[in-house]
Amino acid sequence: MPRAVLFDLDGTLLDTLQDIADSVNAVLSRERLAPHPVSAYKHYVGDGMEKLVERAFPPELVRGAGFDRILSSVRAEYSKRLDVRTRPYPGVERLLDGLAARGIPAAVFSNKPEELTVEAVKNHLGRWKFGAVIGAAAGRPMKPDPDGAFRAAEAVGVPPADFLYLGDTATDMKTATAAGMYSVGALWGFRDAEELRSAGARVLIAAPEDLLGLL
């Protein structure tokens, strides 16, 4: 029986898609490029801001020094829009209340830059306690490398094998498997059931509070 929960953030706890899309599209517009539909960003996100830039911009624009310029612009735009449209998904508050009532510890592990991850959790999920909030930082591997998952488990004081990992992308399912955690796919997030199953999801759930039935 799992004794702790590790959460992905974007597409799992928080619906961040509109703010991300608006931020990247603002930079595209400045570069005189056509914006992408919001739905396209479901497939651009999940593997860090660098991959987001690679996927959303033409290759010729982000080669060499152009990459750092575009990445810096996207990061600046997103920092301004971090909380404009972002909200917890319906049912997330009930899930976190349920975990707190049972005394089940939780942590967050995201490929979003760590300072933005911490700020988003504070702004939208600040009334719940998380044993660790981990994002992307220089010199540390991102998901699907399990390093952050191991650090979260150490901070919480529960072995990785006793964690349930909830995420919405193949990257999350691969991270859970690499860390030896029980992988659960979130069907309300950015990717579909086929991707989650093929990446190793042990269970798929349709609503956040369904997770409580697995604990």
C-alpha atoms as a PDB file:
ATOM      1  CA  MET A   1       0.000   0.000   0.000  1.00  0.00           C
ATOM      2  CA  PRO A   2       1.512   3.386  -1.002  1.00  0.00           C
ATOM      3  CA  ARG A   3       2.387   5.649   1.931  1.00  0.00           C
ATOM      4  CA  ALA A   4       3.147   8.876   0.063  1.00  0.00           C
ATOM      5  CA  VAL A   5       2.292  10.657  -3.203  1.00  0.00           C
ATOM      6  CA  LEU A   6       4.548  12.420  -5.697  1.00  0.00           C
ATOM      7  CA  PHE A   7       2.733  14.792  -8.050  1.00  0.00           C
ATOM      8  CA  ASP A   8       3.587  16.223 -11.400  1.00  0.00           C
ATOM      9  CA  LEU A   9       2.415  19.863 -11.565  1.00  0.00           C
ATOM     10  CA  ASP A  10       1.369  21.080 -15.032  1.00  0.00           C
ATOM     11  CA  GLY A  11      -1.490  19.007 -16.403  1.00  0.00           C
ATOM     12  CA  THR A  12      -1.874  17.126 -13.113  1.00  0.00           C
ATOM     13  CA  LEU A  13      -2.477  19.543 -10.247  1.00  0.00           C
ATOM     14  CA  LEU A  14      -2.670  22.811 -12.205  1.00  0.00           C
ATOM     15  CA  ASP A  15      -4.161  23.647 -15.591  1.00  0.00           C
ATOM     16  CA  THR A  16      -1.398  25.908 -16.905  1.00  0.00           C
ATOM     17  CA  LEU A  17      -1.928  25.447 -20.625  1.00  0.00           C
ATOM     18  CA  GLN A  18      -3.502  28.803 -21.504  1.00  0.00           C
ATOM     19  CA  ASP A  19      -0.837  30.816 -19.698  1.00  0.00           C
ATOM     20  CA  ILE A  20       1.945  28.822 -21.366  1.00  0.00           C
ATOM     21  CA  ALA A  21       0.343  29.180 -24.788  1.00  0.00           C
ATOM     22  CA  ASP A  22      -0.202  32.915 -24.355  1.00  0.00           C
ATOM     23  CA  SER A  23       3.416  33.395 -23.278  1.00  0.00           C
ATOM     24  CA  VAL A  24       4.946  31.511 -26.193  1.00  0.00           C
ATOM     25  CA  ASN A  25       2.510  32.994 -28.694  1.00  0.00           C
ATOM     26  CA  ALA A  26       3.455  36.496 -27.541  1.00  0.00           C
ATOM     27  CA  VAL A  27       7.078  35.767 -28.430  1.00  0.00           C
ATOM     28  CA  LEU A  28       6.078  34.188 -31.740  1.00  0.00           C
ATOM     29  CA  SER A  29       4.118  37.320 -32.589  1.00  0.00           C
ATOM     30  CA  ARG A  30       7.122  39.530 -31.797  1.00  0.00           C
ATOM     31  CA  GLU A  31       9.149  37.376 -34.172  1.00  0.00           C
ATOM     32  CA  ARG A  32       6.430  37.867 -36.826  1.00  0.00           C
ATOM     33  CA  LEU A  33       5.482  34.200 -36.714  1.00  0.00           C
ATOM     34  CA  ALA A  34       2.000  32.727 -36.557  1.00  0.00           C
ATOM     35  CA  PRO A  35       0.827  31.670 -33.087  1.00  0.00           C
ATOM     36  CA  HIS A  36      -0.055  28.056 -32.360  1.00  0.00           C
ATOM     37  CA  PRO A  37      -3.531  26.986 -31.184  1.00  0.00           C
ATOM     38  CA  VAL A  38      -3.712  26.340 -27.451  1.00  0.00           C
ATOM     39  CA  SER A  39      -4.358  22.641 -28.081  1.00  0.00           C
ATOM     40  CA  ALA A  40      -0.955  22.301 -29.765  1.00  0.00           C
ATOM     41  CA  TYR A  41       0.753  23.121 -26.491  1.00  0.00           C
ATOM     42  CA  LYS A  42      -0.519  19.886 -24.975  1.00  0.00           C
ATOM     43  CA  HIS A  43       2.207  18.220 -27.032  1.00  0.00           C
ATOM     44  CA  TYR A  44       4.861  20.908 -26.660  1.00  0.00           C
ATOM     45  CA  VAL A  45       5.000  20.905 -22.853  1.00  0.00           C
ATOM     46  CA  GLY A  46       6.172  18.321 -20.340  1.00  0.00           C
ATOM     47  CA  ASP A  47       9.900  18.079 -20.973  1.00  0.00           C
ATOM     48  CA  GLY A  48      11.121  21.461 -19.781  1.00  0.00           C
ATOM     49  CA  MET A  49      11.196  24.979 -21.179  1.00  0.00           C
ATOM     50  CA  GLU A  50      14.089  24.253 -23.534  1.00  0.00           C
ATOM     51  CA  LYS A  51      12.107  21.496 -25.277  1.00  0.00           C
ATOM     52  CA  LEU A  52       9.054  23.759 -25.369  1.00  0.00           C
ATOM     53  CA  VAL A  53      11.072  26.329 -27.324  1.00  0.00           C
ATOM     54  CA  GLU A  54      12.486  23.666 -29.667  1.00  0.00           C
ATOM     55  CA  ARG A  55       8.991  22.378 -30.430  1.00  0.00           C
ATOM     56  CA  ALA A  56       7.178  25.693 -30.779  1.00  0.00           C
ATOM     57  CA  PHE A  57       9.692  27.660 -32.884  1.00  0.00           C
ATOM     58  CA  PRO A  58      11.155  27.033 -36.351  1.00  0.00           C
ATOM     59  CA  PRO A  59      14.523  25.240 -36.163  1.00  0.00           C
ATOM     60  CA  GLU A  60      16.301  27.959 -38.096  1.00  0.00           C
ATOM     61  CA  LEU A  61      15.279  30.562 -35.507  1.00  0.00           C
ATOM     62  CA  VAL A  62      16.531  28.679 -32.455  1.00  0.00           C
ATOM     63  CA  ARG A  63      19.890  27.500 -33.737  1.00  0.00           C
ATOM     64  CA  GLY A  64      23.004  28.763 -31.992  1.00  0.00           C
ATOM     65  CA  ALA A  65      22.727  32.072 -30.172  1.00  0.00           C
ATOM     66  CA  GLY A  66      19.117  32.456 -31.262  1.00  0.00           C
ATOM     67  CA  PHE A  67      18.072  29.715 -28.866  1.00  0.00           C
ATOM     68  CA  ASP A  68      19.185  31.548 -25.734  1.00  0.00           C
ATOM     69  CA  ARG A  69      17.490  34.748 -26.907  1.00  0.00           C
ATOM     70  CA  ILE A  70      14.173  33.028 -27.566  1.00  0.00           C
ATOM     71  CA  LEU A  71      14.352  30.972 -24.371  1.00  0.00           C
ATOM     72  CA  SER A  72      14.983  34.114 -22.327  1.00  0.00           C
ATOM     73  CA  SER A  73      12.033  35.864 -23.987  1.00  0.00           C
ATOM     74  CA  VAL A  74       9.672  32.946 -23.347  1.00  0.00           C
ATOM     75  CA  ARG A  75      10.758  32.696 -19.734  1.00  0.00           C
ATOM     76  CA  ALA A  76      10.214  36.437 -19.208  1.00  0.00           C
ATOM     77  CA  GLU A  77       6.760  36.312 -20.784  1.00  0.00           C
ATOM     78  CA  TYR A  78       5.744  33.288 -18.756  1.00  0.00           C
ATOM     79  CA  SER A  79       6.966  34.874 -15.526  1.00  0.00           C
ATOM     80  CA  LYS A  80       4.469  37.698 -16.188  1.00  0.00           C
ATOM     81  CA  ARG A  81       1.622  35.304 -16.988  1.00  0.00           C
ATOM     82  CA  LEU A  82       2.261  32.581 -14.418  1.00  0.00           C
ATOM     83  CA  ASP A  83      -1.074  33.065 -12.661  1.00  0.00           C
ATOM     84  CA  VAL A  84      -3.354  34.821 -15.154  1.00  0.00           C
ATOM     85  CA  ARG A  85      -5.439  31.824 -16.238  1.00  0.00           C
ATOM     86  CA  THR A  86      -3.800  29.014 -14.253  1.00  0.00           C
ATOM     87  CA  ARG A  87      -6.071  27.199 -11.811  1.00  0.00           C
ATOM     88  CA  PRO A  88      -6.132  23.869  -9.926  1.00  0.00           C
ATOM     89  CA  TYR A  89      -8.100  21.244 -11.801  1.00  0.00           C
ATOM     90  CA  PRO A  90     -11.579  20.478 -10.417  1.00  0.00           C
ATOM     91  CA  GLY A  91     -11.217  17.872  -7.684  1.00  0.00           C
ATOM     92  CA  VAL A  92      -7.590  18.692  -6.811  1.00  0.00           C
ATOM     93  CA  GLU A  93      -8.571  20.523  -3.635  1.00  0.00           C
ATOM     94  CA  ARG A  94     -10.706  17.561  -2.514  1.00  0.00           C
ATOM     95  CA  LEU A  95      -7.816  15.210  -3.251  1.00  0.00           C
ATOM     96  CA  LEU A  96      -5.326  17.262  -1.235  1.00  0.00           C
ATOM     97  CA  ASP A  97      -7.807  17.652   1.623  1.00  0.00           C
ATOM     98  CA  GLY A  98      -8.260  13.883   1.608  1.00  0.00           C
ATOM     99  CA  LEU A  99      -4.525  13.250   1.767  1.00  0.00           C
ATOM    100  CA  ALA A 100      -4.136  15.731   4.604  1.00  0.00           C
ATOM    101  CA  ALA A 101      -6.991  14.138   6.539  1.00  0.00           C
ATOM    102  CA  ARG A 102      -5.294  10.742   6.283  1.00  0.00           C
ATOM    103  CA  GLY A 103      -1.857  12.102   7.118  1.00  0.00           C
ATOM    104  CA  ILE A 104      -0.412  10.969   3.781  1.00  0.00           C
ATOM    105  CA  PRO A 105       2.655  13.061   2.820  1.00  0.00           C
ATOM    106  CA  ALA A 106       2.933  14.561  -0.653  1.00  0.00           C
ATOM    107  CA  ALA A 107       5.575  16.230  -2.824  1.00  0.00           C
ATOM    108  CA  VAL A 108       5.740  17.917  -6.237  1.00  0.00           C
ATOM    109  CA  PHE A 109       8.255  17.228  -9.013  1.00  0.00           C
ATOM    110  CA  SER A 110       8.069  19.304 -12.215  1.00  0.00           C
ATOM    111  CA  ASN A 111      10.166  20.042 -15.286  1.00  0.00           C
ATOM    112  CA  LYS A 112       9.123  23.695 -14.967  1.00  0.00           C
ATOM    113  CA  PRO A 113      11.984  25.928 -13.721  1.00  0.00           C
ATOM    114  CA  GLU A 114      12.208  25.481  -9.974  1.00  0.00           C
ATOM    115  CA  GLU A 115      11.545  29.091  -8.971  1.00  0.00           C
ATOM    116  CA  LEU A 116       8.384  29.103 -11.112  1.00  0.00           C
ATOM    117  CA  THR A 117       7.355  25.708  -9.727  1.00  0.00           C
ATOM    118  CA  VAL A 118       7.708  26.943  -6.155  1.00  0.00           C
ATOM    119  CA  GLU A 119       5.801  30.140  -6.953  1.00  0.00           C
ATOM    120  CA  ALA A 120       2.955  28.297  -8.677  1.00  0.00           C
ATOM    121  CA  VAL A 121       2.561  25.882  -5.774  1.00  0.00           C
ATOM    122  CA  LYS A 122       2.635  28.725  -3.271  1.00  0.00           C
ATOM    123  CA  ASN A 123       0.077  30.791  -5.197  1.00  0.00           C
ATOM    124  CA  HIS A 124      -2.417  28.030  -5.975  1.00  0.00           C
ATOM    125  CA  LEU A 125      -1.777  25.226  -3.483  1.00  0.00           C
ATOM    126  CA  GLY A 126      -0.370  27.150  -0.562  1.00  0.00           C
ATOM    127  CA  ARG A 127      -2.793  25.922   2.061  1.00  0.00           C
ATOM    128  CA  TRP A 128      -1.466  22.365   1.785  1.00  0.00           C
ATOM    129  CA  LYS A 129       1.898  21.163   3.024  1.00  0.00           C
ATOM    130  CA  PHE A 130       4.284  19.482   0.604  1.00  0.00           C
ATOM    131  CA  GLY A 131       7.373  17.709   1.875  1.00  0.00           C
ATOM    132  CA  ALA A 132       9.309  18.857  -1.210  1.00  0.00           C
ATOM    133  CA  VAL A 133       8.658  21.056  -4.244  1.00  0.00           C
ATOM    134  CA  ILE A 134      11.232  20.303  -6.931  1.00  0.00           C
ATOM    135  CA  GLY A 135      11.610  21.862 -10.371  1.00  0.00           C
ATOM    136  CA  ALA A 136      14.233  22.120 -13.076  1.00  0.00           C
ATOM    137  CA  ALA A 137      17.548  23.703 -12.090  1.00  0.00           C
ATOM    138  CA  ALA A 138      20.984  24.039 -13.672  1.00  0.00           C
ATOM    139  CA  GLY A 139      23.186  21.025 -13.138  1.00  0.00           C
ATOM    140  CA  ARG A 140      20.314  18.679 -12.254  1.00  0.00           C
ATOM    141  CA  PRO A 141      18.732  16.148 -14.621  1.00  0.00           C
ATOM    142  CA  MET A 142      15.085  16.575 -15.519  1.00  0.00           C
ATOM    143  CA  LYS A 143      12.390  13.942 -15.861  1.00  0.00           C
ATOM    144  CA  PRO A 144      12.352  11.173 -16.946  1.00  0.00           C
ATOM    145  CA  ASP A 145      15.579  10.914 -14.964  1.00  0.00           C
ATOM    146  CA  PRO A 146      14.442   9.813 -11.475  1.00  0.00           C
ATOM    147  CA  ASP A 147      16.920  12.014  -9.580  1.00  0.00           C
ATOM    148  CA  GLY A 148      14.252  14.515  -8.500  1.00  0.00           C
ATOM    149  CA  ALA A 149      11.909  11.712  -7.488  1.00  0.00           C
ATOM    150  CA  PHE A 150      14.610  10.220  -5.285  1.00  0.00           C
ATOM    151  CA  ARG A 151      15.304  13.608  -3.715  1.00  0.00           C
ATOM    152  CA  ALA A 152      11.607  14.107  -3.033  1.00  0.00           C
ATOM    153  CA  ALA A 153      11.387  10.687  -1.386  1.00  0.00           C
ATOM    154  CA  GLU A 154      14.405  11.471   0.793  1.00  0.00           C
ATOM    155  CA  ALA A 155      12.906  14.818   1.839  1.00  0.00           C
ATOM    156  CA  VAL A 156       9.600  13.195   2.753  1.00  0.00           C
ATOM    157  CA  GLY A 157      11.277  10.286   4.540  1.00  0.00           C
ATOM    158  CA  VAL A 158       9.460   7.526   2.663  1.00  0.00           C
ATOM    159  CA  PRO A 159      11.213   4.975   0.401  1.00  0.00           C
ATOM    160  CA  PRO A 160      10.518   5.407  -3.346  1.00  0.00           C
ATOM    161  CA  ALA A 161       8.893   1.977  -3.512  1.00  0.00           C
ATOM    162  CA  ASP A 162       6.206   3.226  -1.125  1.00  0.00           C
ATOM    163  CA  PHE A 163       5.287   6.202  -3.329  1.00  0.00           C
ATOM    164  CA  LEU A 164       2.428   6.566  -5.741  1.00  0.00           C
ATOM    165  CA  TYR A 165       3.365   8.885  -8.630  1.00  0.00           C
ATOM    166  CA  LEU A 166       0.576  10.818 -10.390  1.00  0.00           C
ATOM    167  CA  GLY A 167       1.290  12.473 -13.742  1.00  0.00           C
ATOM    168  CA  ASP A 168      -0.254  13.156 -17.143  1.00  0.00           C
ATOM    169  CA  THR A 169       2.481  12.424 -19.711  1.00  0.00           C
ATOM    170  CA  ALA A 170       4.705   9.611 -20.918  1.00  0.00           C
ATOM    171  CA  THR A 171       7.605  11.458 -19.304  1.00  0.00           C
ATOM    172  CA  ASP A 172       5.894  11.138 -15.927  1.00  0.00           C
ATOM    173  CA  MET A 173       5.171   7.434 -16.331  1.00  0.00           C
ATOM    174  CA  LYS A 174       8.791   6.781 -17.327  1.00  0.00           C
ATOM    175  CA  THR A 175       9.993   8.776 -14.325  1.00  0.00           C
ATOM    176  CA  ALA A 176       7.797   6.764 -11.981  1.00  0.00           C
ATOM    177  CA  THR A 177       9.055   3.478 -13.418  1.00  0.00           C
ATOM    178  CA  ALA A 178      12.698   4.565 -13.222  1.00  0.00           C
ATOM    179  CA  ALA A 179      12.213   5.570  -9.582  1.00  0.00           C
ATOM    180  CA  GLY A 180      10.428   2.339  -8.657  1.00  0.00           C
ATOM    181  CA  MET A 181       7.208   4.203  -7.824  1.00  0.00           C
ATOM    182  CA  TYR A 182       3.646   3.107  -8.583  1.00  0.00           C
ATOM    183  CA  SER A 183       2.690   4.995 -11.753  1.00  0.00           C
ATOM    184  CA  VAL A 184      -0.803   6.490 -12.099  1.00  0.00           C
ATOM    185  CA  GLY A 185      -1.913   8.359 -15.216  1.00  0.00           C
ATOM    186  CA  ALA A 186      -4.132  11.448 -14.988  1.00  0.00           C
ATOM    187  CA  LEU A 187      -6.689  11.441 -17.811  1.00  0.00           C
ATOM    188  CA  TRP A 188      -7.729  15.079 -17.272  1.00  0.00           C
ATOM    189  CA  GLY A 189      -4.272  16.370 -18.232  1.00  0.00           C
ATOM    190  CA  PHE A 190      -2.433  17.094 -21.463  1.00  0.00           C
ATOM    191  CA  ARG A 191      -2.047  13.609 -22.982  1.00  0.00           C
ATOM    192  CA  ASP A 192      -4.303  10.631 -23.708  1.00  0.00           C
ATOM    193  CA  ALA A 193      -4.805   7.162 -22.276  1.00  0.00           C
ATOM    194  CA  GLU A 194      -2.879   5.440 -25.080  1.00  0.00           C
ATOM    195  CA  GLU A 195       0.268   7.465 -24.401  1.00  0.00           C
ATOM    196  CA  LEU A 196       0.050   6.888 -20.664  1.00  0.00           C
ATOM    197  CA  ARG A 197      -0.495   3.125 -20.984  1.00  0.00           C
ATOM    198  CA  SER A 198       2.280   2.674 -23.543  1.00  0.00           C
ATOM    199  CA  ALA A 199       4.682   4.544 -21.246  1.00  0.00           C
ATOM    200  CA  GLY A 200       3.995   2.223 -18.329  1.00  0.00           C
ATOM    201  CA  ALA A 201       1.011   3.585 -16.388  1.00  0.00           C
ATOM    202  CA  ARG A 202      -0.124   0.947 -13.897  1.00  0.00           C
ATOM    203  CA  VAL A 203      -3.528   2.592 -13.444  1.00  0.00           C
ATOM    204  CA  LEU A 204      -5.425   5.421 -15.145  1.00  0.00           C
ATOM    205  CA  ILE A 205      -7.834   7.651 -13.231  1.00  0.00           C
ATOM    206  CA  ALA A 206     -10.483  10.018 -14.588  1.00  0.00           C
ATOM    207  CA  ALA A 207     -10.643  12.531 -11.723  1.00  0.00           C
ATOM    208  CA  PRO A 208      -8.166  13.691  -9.065  1.00  0.00           C
ATOM    209  CA  GLU A 209     -10.143  12.400  -6.084  1.00  0.00           C
ATOM    210  CA  ASP A 210     -10.094   8.887  -7.627  1.00  0.00           C
ATOM    211  CA  LEU A 211      -6.503   8.691  -6.373  1.00  0.00           C
ATOM    212  CA  LEU A 212      -7.774   8.352  -2.822  1.00  0.00           C
ATOM    213  CA  GLY A 213      -9.206   4.942  -3.702  1.00  0.00           C
ATOM    214  CA  LEU A 214      -5.694   3.689  -4.463  1.00  0.00           C
ATOM    215  CA  LEU A 215      -4.328   4.560  -1.029  1.00  0.00           C
END
